C-alpha atoms as a PDB file:
ATOM      1  CA  MET A   1       4.352 -17.504 -39.619  1.00  0.00           C
ATOM      2  CA  ASP A   2       6.633 -14.523 -38.261  1.00  0.00           C
ATOM      3  CA  ILE A   3       2.783 -12.157 -37.648  1.00  0.00           C
ATOM      4  CA  PRO A   4       1.380 -14.715 -35.879  1.00  0.00           C
ATOM      5  CA  GLN A   5       4.179 -14.607 -33.118  1.00  0.00           C
ATOM      6  CA  THR A   6       4.362 -10.421 -33.072  1.00  0.00           C
ATOM      7  CA  LEU A   7       0.560 -10.671 -32.776  1.00  0.00           C
ATOM      8  CA  THR A   8       1.306 -12.576 -29.710  1.00  0.00           C
ATOM      9  CA  LEU A   9       4.081 -10.741 -27.885  1.00  0.00           C
ATOM     10  CA  ALA A  10       2.303  -7.726 -28.539  1.00  0.00           C
ATOM     11  CA  THR A  11      -0.677  -9.323 -26.779  1.00  0.00           C
ATOM     12  CA  LEU A  12       1.227 -10.410 -24.054  1.00  0.00           C
ATOM     13  CA  THR A  13       3.093  -7.067 -23.810  1.00  0.00           C
ATOM     14  CA  LEU A  14      -0.746  -5.418 -23.448  1.00  0.00           C
ATOM     15  CA  ALA A  15      -1.758  -7.976 -21.189  1.00  0.00           C
ATOM     16  CA  GLU A  16       1.123  -7.191 -18.577  1.00  0.00           C
ATOM     17  CA  THR A  17       0.882  -3.734 -19.028  1.00  0.00           C
ATOM     18  CA  LYS A  18      -2.861  -3.830 -18.053  1.00  0.00           C
ATOM     19  CA  GLY A  19      -1.689  -6.409 -15.228  1.00  0.00           C
ATOM     20  CA  GLN A  20       0.850  -4.126 -13.576  1.00  0.00           C
ATOM     21  CA  TYR A  21      -1.662  -0.987 -13.875  1.00  0.00           C
ATOM     22  CA  THR A  22      -4.072  -2.873 -11.751  1.00  0.00           C
ATOM     23  CA  ALA A  23      -1.579  -3.997  -9.507  1.00  0.00           C
ATOM     24  CA  THR A  24      -0.556  -0.451  -9.469  1.00  0.00           C
ATOM     25  CA  HIS A  25      -3.851   1.142  -8.440  1.00  0.00           C
ATOM     26  CA  CYS A  26      -4.644  -1.633  -6.320  1.00  0.00           C
ATOM     27  CA  ALA A  27      -1.517  -1.334  -3.756  1.00  0.00           C
ATOM     28  CA  MET A  28      -2.514   2.599  -4.276  1.00  0.00           C
ATOM     29  CA  ALA A  29      -5.807   2.191  -3.231  1.00  0.00           C
ATOM     30  CA  ALA A  30      -4.618  -0.253  -0.420  1.00  0.00           C
ATOM     31  CA  ALA A  31      -2.523   1.853   1.104  1.00  0.00           C
ATOM     32  CA  ALA A  32      -4.576   5.026   0.747  1.00  0.00           C
ATOM     33  CA  LEU A  33      -7.172   3.086   2.940  1.00  0.00           C
ATOM     34  CA  LEU A  34      -4.423   2.529   5.687  1.00  0.00           C
ATOM     35  CA  LEU A  35      -3.665   6.113   6.036  1.00  0.00           C
ATOM     36  CA  TYR A  36      -7.216   6.711   6.144  1.00  0.00           C
ATOM     37  CA  ASP A  37      -8.117   4.629   8.403  1.00  0.00           C
ATOM     38  CA  TYR A  38      -5.198   5.752  10.823  1.00  0.00           C
ATOM     39  CA  ILE A  39      -6.243   9.303  10.438  1.00  0.00           C
ATOM     40  CA  VAL A  40     -10.084   8.296  10.791  1.00  0.00           C
ATOM     41  CA  THR A  41      -9.428   6.369  14.380  1.00  0.00           C
ATOM     42  CA  LEU A  42      -6.132   8.840  15.988  1.00  0.00           C
ATOM     43  CA  GLY A  43      -8.517  10.366  18.186  1.00  0.00           C
ATOM     44  CA  GLN A  44      -9.888   6.643  19.779  1.00  0.00           C
ATOM     45  CA  GLU A  45      -5.941   5.740  19.845  1.00  0.00           C
ATOM     46  CA  SER A  46      -5.254   8.694  21.894  1.00  0.00           C
ATOM     47  CA  ARG A  47      -7.688   7.662  24.312  1.00  0.00           C
ATOM     48  CA  TYR A  48      -7.619   4.080  24.710  1.00  0.00           C
ATOM     49  CA  ILE A  49      -4.032   3.393  23.919  1.00  0.00           C
ATOM     50  CA  TRP A  50      -2.461   6.446  25.095  1.00  0.00           C
ATOM     51  CA  THR A  51      -3.788   7.166  28.515  1.00  0.00           C
ATOM     52  CA  ASP A  52      -1.027   4.808  30.262  1.00  0.00           C
ATOM     53  CA  VAL A  53       2.122   4.642  27.803  1.00  0.00           C
ATOM     54  CA  ARG A  54       3.995   2.669  30.691  1.00  0.00           C
ATOM     55  CA  ALA A  55       1.618  -0.610  29.754  1.00  0.00           C
ATOM     56  CA  GLY A  56       3.728  -3.376  27.550  1.00  0.00           C
ATOM     57  CA  TYR A  57       0.518  -2.954  24.992  1.00  0.00           C
ATOM     58  CA  ALA A  58       1.338   0.438  23.874  1.00  0.00           C
ATOM     59  CA  ALA A  59       4.922  -0.547  23.243  1.00  0.00           C
ATOM     60  CA  ILE A  60       3.362  -3.206  21.103  1.00  0.00           C
ATOM     61  CA  PHE A  61       0.606  -1.132  19.240  1.00  0.00           C
ATOM     62  CA  LEU A  62       3.352   1.309  18.630  1.00  0.00           C
ATOM     63  CA  ILE A  63       5.688  -0.557  17.175  1.00  0.00           C
ATOM     64  CA  ASN A  64       3.294  -2.427  14.936  1.00  0.00           C
ATOM     65  CA  ARG A  65       1.701   1.295  13.909  1.00  0.00           C
ATOM     66  CA  LEU A  66       4.595   2.175  12.816  1.00  0.00           C
ATOM     67  CA  ASN A  67       5.697  -0.743  10.630  1.00  0.00           C
ATOM     68  CA  MET A  68       2.498  -0.412   9.200  1.00  0.00           C
ATOM     69  CA  LEU A  69       2.560   3.238   8.353  1.00  0.00           C
ATOM     70  CA  CYS A  70       6.523   3.254   6.570  1.00  0.00           C
ATOM     71  CA  MET A  71       4.972   0.049   4.766  1.00  0.00           C
ATOM     72  CA  ALA A  72       2.268   2.489   3.324  1.00  0.00           C
ATOM     73  CA  ILE A  73       4.169   5.069   2.646  1.00  0.00           C
ATOM     74  CA  TYR A  74       7.125   3.194   1.090  1.00  0.00           C
ATOM     75  CA  MET A  75       3.870   1.599  -1.288  1.00  0.00           C
ATOM     76  CA  ILE A  76       2.957   4.984  -1.936  1.00  0.00           C
ATOM     77  CA  MET A  77       6.441   6.271  -3.056  1.00  0.00           C
ATOM     78  CA  GLU A  78       7.481   2.976  -4.965  1.00  0.00           C
ATOM     79  CA  ARG A  79       4.040   3.044  -7.066  1.00  0.00           C
ATOM     80  CA  ALA A  80       4.528   6.845  -7.520  1.00  0.00           C
ATOM     81  CA  ARG A  81       8.078   6.712  -8.441  1.00  0.00           C
ATOM     82  CA  PHE A  82       6.601   3.310 -10.656  1.00  0.00           C
ATOM     83  CA  THR A  83       3.924   5.296 -12.565  1.00  0.00           C
ATOM     84  CA  LEU A  84       5.858   8.321 -13.501  1.00  0.00           C
END
């Protein structure tokens, strides 16, 4: 009776490990895609958003941009720490 329980625990641990592996790589891919998008759209951003810095939408855009950038960097650092 102990053998099936041991196999179940081993299988559960393997499934959890695979799930964590998948979640880690999906989060890293999402953060990398977000950073790639920021780099690609930087020219358009400077042309359309930052021409009039005094506009209210520029401040909102900056807050949103910095928030998402910090979240992406945090996700990469968190996942990189976990995988090492």
